[in-house]
Amino acid sequence: MPRTFQAQFPSIEKQMRALAARMRTARLRRRITTVQFAERVGISRDTLHRLESGDPHIAFGTYMRALRVLGLEKDMDAVASDDVLGRKLQDLALVSPRTRRSASPAMAPPAHGEED
């Protein structure tokens, strides 16, 4: 059965091409030929060409092996390490609806010594 692929968002395609270009530049800076690099990563030169073109259908593991060969695998540790949005959503979930209502200035009880 043939594999089907879902179309990528244009912004993701742009990011993939940028990552591929950075990886190609890193390979060239190290003076590693396409033949050497493909052998070290364990892929064909055709797959390497697709990887360096930003083909989104290349397996994530292949990208990781390529980064390892380049000595850049530690850069992946920074991806999503500081999940700002996730922490904000988690903090909102920790605050109960009752607490949120009472924290509202319109719903807050009068301060000590104030009258209604």
N, C-alpha and C. Protein backbone atom coordinates (compact mmCIF):
# COMPACT_ATOMS: atom_id res chain seq x y z
N MET A 1 0.85 -1.17 0.00
CA MET A 1 0.00 0.00 0.00
C MET A 1 0.90 1.24 0.00
N PRO A 2 0.66 2.17 -0.92
CA PRO A 2 1.50 3.37 -0.97
C PRO A 2 1.26 4.27 0.23
N ARG A 3 2.32 4.93 0.66
CA ARG A 3 2.22 5.86 1.78
C ARG A 3 1.64 7.17 1.30
N THR A 4 0.83 7.78 2.14
CA THR A 4 0.30 9.10 1.82
C THR A 4 0.85 10.08 2.84
N PHE A 5 1.09 11.28 2.39
CA PHE A 5 1.65 12.31 3.25
C PHE A 5 0.71 13.49 3.31
N GLN A 6 0.60 14.06 4.46
CA GLN A 6 -0.22 15.24 4.66
C GLN A 6 0.59 16.47 4.27
N ALA A 7 -0.05 17.44 3.64
CA ALA A 7 0.62 18.68 3.26
C ALA A 7 1.06 19.44 4.50
N GLN A 8 2.21 20.09 4.39
CA GLN A 8 2.75 20.86 5.52
C GLN A 8 2.24 22.30 5.47
N PHE A 9 2.22 22.94 6.62
CA PHE A 9 1.94 24.36 6.67
C PHE A 9 3.12 25.09 6.02
N PRO A 10 2.87 26.19 5.31
CA PRO A 10 3.97 26.93 4.68
C PRO A 10 5.05 27.37 5.68
N SER A 11 4.65 27.76 6.87
CA SER A 11 5.65 28.19 7.86
C SER A 11 6.54 27.03 8.29
N ILE A 12 5.98 25.83 8.35
CA ILE A 12 6.78 24.66 8.72
C ILE A 12 7.74 24.32 7.60
N GLU A 13 7.27 24.41 6.36
CA GLU A 13 8.15 24.15 5.23
C GLU A 13 9.34 25.12 5.24
N LYS A 14 9.06 26.38 5.55
CA LYS A 14 10.11 27.38 5.61
C LYS A 14 11.12 27.04 6.71
N GLN A 15 10.62 26.61 7.88
CA GLN A 15 11.51 26.23 8.98
C GLN A 15 12.36 25.01 8.61
N MET A 16 11.74 24.05 7.93
CA MET A 16 12.47 22.85 7.52
C MET A 16 13.59 23.21 6.54
N ARG A 17 13.29 24.08 5.59
CA ARG A 17 14.32 24.50 4.63
C ARG A 17 15.45 25.25 5.34
N ALA A 18 15.10 26.08 6.33
CA ALA A 18 16.12 26.82 7.07
C ALA A 18 17.00 25.88 7.89
N LEU A 19 16.39 24.88 8.53
CA LEU A 19 17.17 23.89 9.28
C LEU A 19 18.10 23.14 8.34
N ALA A 20 17.57 22.74 7.20
CA ALA A 20 18.37 22.01 6.22
C ALA A 20 19.55 22.84 5.75
N ALA A 21 19.32 24.12 5.50
CA ALA A 21 20.40 25.00 5.06
C ALA A 21 21.47 25.14 6.14
N ARG A 22 21.03 25.25 7.40
CA ARG A 22 22.00 25.35 8.50
C ARG A 22 22.82 24.06 8.63
N MET A 23 22.17 22.92 8.43
CA MET A 23 22.89 21.65 8.51
C MET A 23 23.89 21.52 7.36
N ARG A 24 23.48 21.93 6.17
CA ARG A 24 24.39 21.89 5.02
C ARG A 24 25.59 22.80 5.28
N THR A 25 25.34 23.99 5.78
CA THR A 25 26.42 24.93 6.08
C THR A 25 27.36 24.33 7.13
N ALA A 26 26.80 23.68 8.14
CA ALA A 26 27.63 23.04 9.17
C ALA A 26 28.50 21.94 8.56
N ARG A 27 27.93 21.17 7.62
CA ARG A 27 28.71 20.12 6.95
C ARG A 27 29.85 20.74 6.14
N LEU A 28 29.54 21.79 5.40
CA LEU A 28 30.56 22.44 4.58
C LEU A 28 31.65 23.08 5.44
N ARG A 29 31.30 23.66 6.55
CA ARG A 29 32.30 24.25 7.46
C ARG A 29 33.28 23.19 7.97
N ARG A 30 32.78 21.99 8.12
CA ARG A 30 33.61 20.88 8.62
C ARG A 30 34.36 20.19 7.48
N ARG A 31 34.13 20.66 6.26
CA ARG A 31 34.75 20.11 5.05
C ARG A 31 34.46 18.62 4.91
N ILE A 32 33.20 18.25 5.16
CA ILE A 32 32.76 16.86 5.00
C ILE A 32 32.04 16.78 3.65
N THR A 33 32.48 15.86 2.80
CA THR A 33 31.84 15.71 1.50
C THR A 33 30.47 15.04 1.65
N THR A 34 29.67 15.12 0.60
CA THR A 34 28.35 14.48 0.65
C THR A 34 28.50 12.97 0.79
N VAL A 35 29.50 12.39 0.13
CA VAL A 35 29.73 10.95 0.22
C VAL A 35 30.10 10.56 1.65
N GLN A 36 31.03 11.29 2.26
CA GLN A 36 31.44 11.01 3.63
C GLN A 36 30.27 11.18 4.60
N PHE A 37 29.54 12.26 4.44
CA PHE A 37 28.44 12.55 5.35
C PHE A 37 27.35 11.49 5.24
N ALA A 38 26.98 11.14 4.02
CA ALA A 38 25.95 10.11 3.82
C ALA A 38 26.38 8.79 4.45
N GLU A 39 27.64 8.43 4.28
CA GLU A 39 28.14 7.18 4.88
C GLU A 39 28.08 7.24 6.40
N ARG A 40 28.52 8.35 6.98
CA ARG A 40 28.54 8.49 8.44
C ARG A 40 27.14 8.50 9.04
N VAL A 41 26.18 9.09 8.32
CA VAL A 41 24.80 9.14 8.81
C VAL A 41 24.10 7.81 8.54
N GLY A 42 24.58 7.06 7.54
CA GLY A 42 23.97 5.77 7.19
C GLY A 42 22.81 5.92 6.23
N ILE A 43 22.94 6.86 5.30
CA ILE A 43 21.88 7.11 4.32
C ILE A 43 22.50 7.19 2.93
N SER A 44 21.65 7.17 1.92
CA SER A 44 22.13 7.33 0.55
C SER A 44 22.37 8.80 0.25
N ARG A 45 23.10 9.05 -0.82
CA ARG A 45 23.32 10.45 -1.21
C ARG A 45 22.01 11.10 -1.65
N ASP A 46 21.11 10.31 -2.21
CA ASP A 46 19.79 10.85 -2.58
C ASP A 46 19.04 11.32 -1.33
N THR A 47 19.06 10.51 -0.28
CA THR A 47 18.40 10.89 0.97
C THR A 47 19.09 12.10 1.58
N LEU A 48 20.41 12.16 1.49
CA LEU A 48 21.13 13.33 1.99
C LEU A 48 20.71 14.58 1.23
N HIS A 49 20.57 14.46 -0.07
CA HIS A 49 20.13 15.62 -0.87
C HIS A 49 18.74 16.07 -0.39
N ARG A 50 17.84 15.12 -0.15
CA ARG A 50 16.50 15.45 0.33
C ARG A 50 16.57 16.08 1.72
N LEU A 51 17.44 15.55 2.58
CA LEU A 51 17.61 16.10 3.93
C LEU A 51 18.10 17.54 3.86
N GLU A 52 19.10 17.79 3.01
CA GLU A 52 19.67 19.12 2.89
C GLU A 52 18.78 20.07 2.09
N SER A 53 17.68 19.55 1.56
CA SER A 53 16.69 20.39 0.87
C SER A 53 15.51 20.71 1.79
N GLY A 54 15.48 20.06 2.95
CA GLY A 54 14.40 20.31 3.91
C GLY A 54 13.17 19.46 3.67
N ASP A 55 13.34 18.30 3.05
CA ASP A 55 12.22 17.39 2.80
C ASP A 55 11.60 16.98 4.14
N PRO A 56 10.31 17.31 4.37
CA PRO A 56 9.69 16.98 5.65
C PRO A 56 9.39 15.50 5.83
N HIS A 57 9.61 14.70 4.80
CA HIS A 57 9.31 13.28 4.90
C HIS A 57 10.52 12.45 5.33
N ILE A 58 11.64 13.11 5.57
CA ILE A 58 12.81 12.42 6.10
C ILE A 58 12.54 12.15 7.59
N ALA A 59 12.87 10.94 8.01
CA ALA A 59 12.60 10.55 9.40
C ALA A 59 13.37 11.42 10.40
N PHE A 60 12.72 11.69 11.51
CA PHE A 60 13.33 12.50 12.57
C PHE A 60 14.64 11.88 13.04
N GLY A 61 14.68 10.56 13.12
CA GLY A 61 15.90 9.87 13.54
C GLY A 61 17.06 10.15 12.60
N THR A 62 16.76 10.32 11.33
CA THR A 62 17.81 10.63 10.36
C THR A 62 18.38 12.02 10.63
N TYR A 63 17.49 12.98 10.92
CA TYR A 63 17.96 14.32 11.28
C TYR A 63 18.83 14.25 12.54
N MET A 64 18.41 13.45 13.50
CA MET A 64 19.18 13.34 14.75
C MET A 64 20.56 12.72 14.49
N ARG A 65 20.63 11.68 13.66
CA ARG A 65 21.93 11.08 13.34
C ARG A 65 22.82 12.08 12.62
N ALA A 66 22.23 12.86 11.71
CA ALA A 66 23.00 13.87 10.98
C ALA A 66 23.55 14.93 11.95
N LEU A 67 22.70 15.36 12.88
CA LEU A 67 23.18 16.32 13.88
C LEU A 67 24.30 15.73 14.72
N ARG A 68 24.19 14.46 15.04
CA ARG A 68 25.23 13.77 15.84
C ARG A 68 26.55 13.76 15.08
N VAL A 69 26.50 13.44 13.79
CA VAL A 69 27.71 13.42 12.97
C VAL A 69 28.35 14.81 12.94
N LEU A 70 27.52 15.84 12.95
CA LEU A 70 28.02 17.22 12.93
C LEU A 70 28.43 17.72 14.32
N GLY A 71 28.12 16.93 15.34
CA GLY A 71 28.44 17.35 16.71
C GLY A 71 27.46 18.38 17.25
N LEU A 72 26.26 18.41 16.69
CA LEU A 72 25.25 19.39 17.08
C LEU A 72 24.04 18.78 17.77
N GLU A 73 24.13 17.53 18.16
CA GLU A 73 22.95 16.85 18.75
C GLU A 73 22.50 17.50 20.06
N LYS A 74 23.41 18.13 20.79
CA LYS A 74 23.03 18.77 22.05
C LYS A 74 22.10 19.97 21.82
N ASP A 75 22.15 20.55 20.62
CA ASP A 75 21.25 21.67 20.30
C ASP A 75 19.79 21.24 20.42
N MET A 76 19.50 19.98 20.21
CA MET A 76 18.12 19.49 20.28
C MET A 76 17.59 19.55 21.71
N ASP A 77 18.48 19.55 22.70
CA ASP A 77 18.05 19.63 24.09
C ASP A 77 17.33 20.95 24.39
N ALA A 78 17.62 21.98 23.61
CA ALA A 78 17.01 23.29 23.84
C ALA A 78 15.59 23.38 23.26
N VAL A 79 15.26 22.48 22.34
CA VAL A 79 13.94 22.54 21.70
C VAL A 79 12.85 22.26 22.73
N ALA A 80 11.93 23.19 22.86
CA ALA A 80 10.77 23.08 23.76
C ALA A 80 11.17 22.90 25.23
N SER A 81 12.38 23.27 25.59
CA SER A 81 12.80 23.10 26.99
C SER A 81 12.15 24.13 27.90
N ASP A 82 11.83 25.29 27.38
CA ASP A 82 11.19 26.33 28.18
C ASP A 82 9.78 26.54 27.63
N ASP A 83 8.86 25.70 28.06
CA ASP A 83 7.49 25.69 27.54
C ASP A 83 6.67 26.78 28.23
N VAL A 84 6.85 28.02 27.82
CA VAL A 84 6.19 29.15 28.46
C VAL A 84 4.67 29.02 28.37
N LEU A 85 4.15 28.75 27.18
CA LEU A 85 2.70 28.62 27.02
C LEU A 85 2.15 27.47 27.87
N GLY A 86 2.82 26.35 27.85
CA GLY A 86 2.37 25.20 28.63
C GLY A 86 2.33 25.49 30.12
N ARG A 87 3.35 26.20 30.62
CA ARG A 87 3.37 26.55 32.04
C ARG A 87 2.25 27.51 32.39
N LYS A 88 1.96 28.47 31.50
CA LYS A 88 0.86 29.41 31.76
C LYS A 88 -0.47 28.68 31.80
N LEU A 89 -0.68 27.76 30.86
CA LEU A 89 -1.92 26.99 30.85
C LEU A 89 -2.05 26.13 32.09
N GLN A 90 -0.94 25.54 32.51
CA GLN A 90 -0.94 24.72 33.72
C GLN A 90 -1.26 25.57 34.94
N ASP A 91 -0.67 26.75 35.02
CA ASP A 91 -0.94 27.65 36.15
C ASP A 91 -2.40 28.06 36.19
N LEU A 92 -2.99 28.32 35.02
CA LEU A 92 -4.42 28.67 34.98
C LEU A 92 -5.28 27.51 35.47
N ALA A 93 -4.90 26.29 35.13
CA ALA A 93 -5.67 25.12 35.55
C ALA A 93 -5.56 24.89 37.05
N LEU A 94 -4.44 25.32 37.65
CA LEU A 94 -4.25 25.14 39.09
C LEU A 94 -5.11 26.08 39.91
N VAL A 95 -5.53 27.17 39.31
CA VAL A 95 -6.39 28.14 39.99
C VAL A 95 -7.83 27.70 39.76
N SER A 96 -8.55 27.41 40.84
CA SER A 96 -9.93 26.95 40.70
C SER A 96 -10.82 28.08 40.20
N PRO A 97 -11.95 27.75 39.57
CA PRO A 97 -12.87 28.80 39.10
C PRO A 97 -13.32 29.72 40.24
N ARG A 98 -13.54 29.16 41.43
CA ARG A 98 -13.97 29.97 42.57
C ARG A 98 -12.90 30.99 42.95
N THR A 99 -11.64 30.54 42.94
CA THR A 99 -10.54 31.43 43.26
C THR A 99 -10.43 32.53 42.22
N ARG A 100 -10.64 32.20 40.95
CA ARG A 100 -10.57 33.21 39.89
C ARG A 100 -11.65 34.26 40.08
N ARG A 101 -12.87 33.84 40.46
CA ARG A 101 -13.97 34.79 40.66
C ARG A 101 -13.67 35.72 41.83
N SER A 102 -13.20 35.16 42.92
CA SER A 102 -12.95 35.98 44.10
C SER A 102 -11.73 36.87 43.92
N ALA A 103 -10.86 36.50 42.99
CA ALA A 103 -9.69 37.33 42.73
C ALA A 103 -10.05 38.55 41.90
N SER A 104 -11.22 38.53 41.30
CA SER A 104 -11.66 39.66 40.49
C SER A 104 -11.97 40.84 41.39
N PRO A 105 -11.52 42.06 41.07
CA PRO A 105 -11.76 43.23 41.93
C PRO A 105 -13.24 43.48 42.17
N ALA A 106 -14.09 43.22 41.21
CA ALA A 106 -15.52 43.45 41.39
C ALA A 106 -16.12 42.47 42.38
N MET A 107 -15.52 41.30 42.51
CA MET A 107 -16.06 40.28 43.38
C MET A 107 -15.34 40.22 44.73
N ALA A 108 -14.27 40.97 44.88
CA ALA A 108 -13.48 40.89 46.11
C ALA A 108 -14.27 41.43 47.29
N PRO A 109 -14.13 40.79 48.47
CA PRO A 109 -14.82 41.29 49.67
C PRO A 109 -14.23 42.62 50.10
N PRO A 110 -14.99 43.44 50.81
CA PRO A 110 -14.47 44.74 51.25
C PRO A 110 -13.27 44.54 52.17
N ALA A 111 -12.32 45.44 52.06
CA ALA A 111 -11.11 45.37 52.89
C ALA A 111 -11.51 45.63 54.35
N HIS A 112 -10.68 45.22 55.27
CA HIS A 112 -10.93 45.39 56.69
C HIS A 112 -11.16 46.86 57.01
N GLY A 113 -12.24 47.16 57.66
CA GLY A 113 -12.54 48.52 58.05
C GLY A 113 -13.39 49.26 57.03
N GLU A 114 -13.64 48.67 55.84
CA GLU A 114 -14.48 49.34 54.83
C GLU A 114 -15.91 48.92 55.01
N GLU A 115 -16.81 49.76 54.57
CA GLU A 115 -18.24 49.44 54.61
C GLU A 115 -18.70 49.03 53.25
N ASP A 116 -19.85 48.32 53.20
CA ASP A 116 -20.43 47.89 51.93
C ASP A 116 -21.03 49.02 51.17
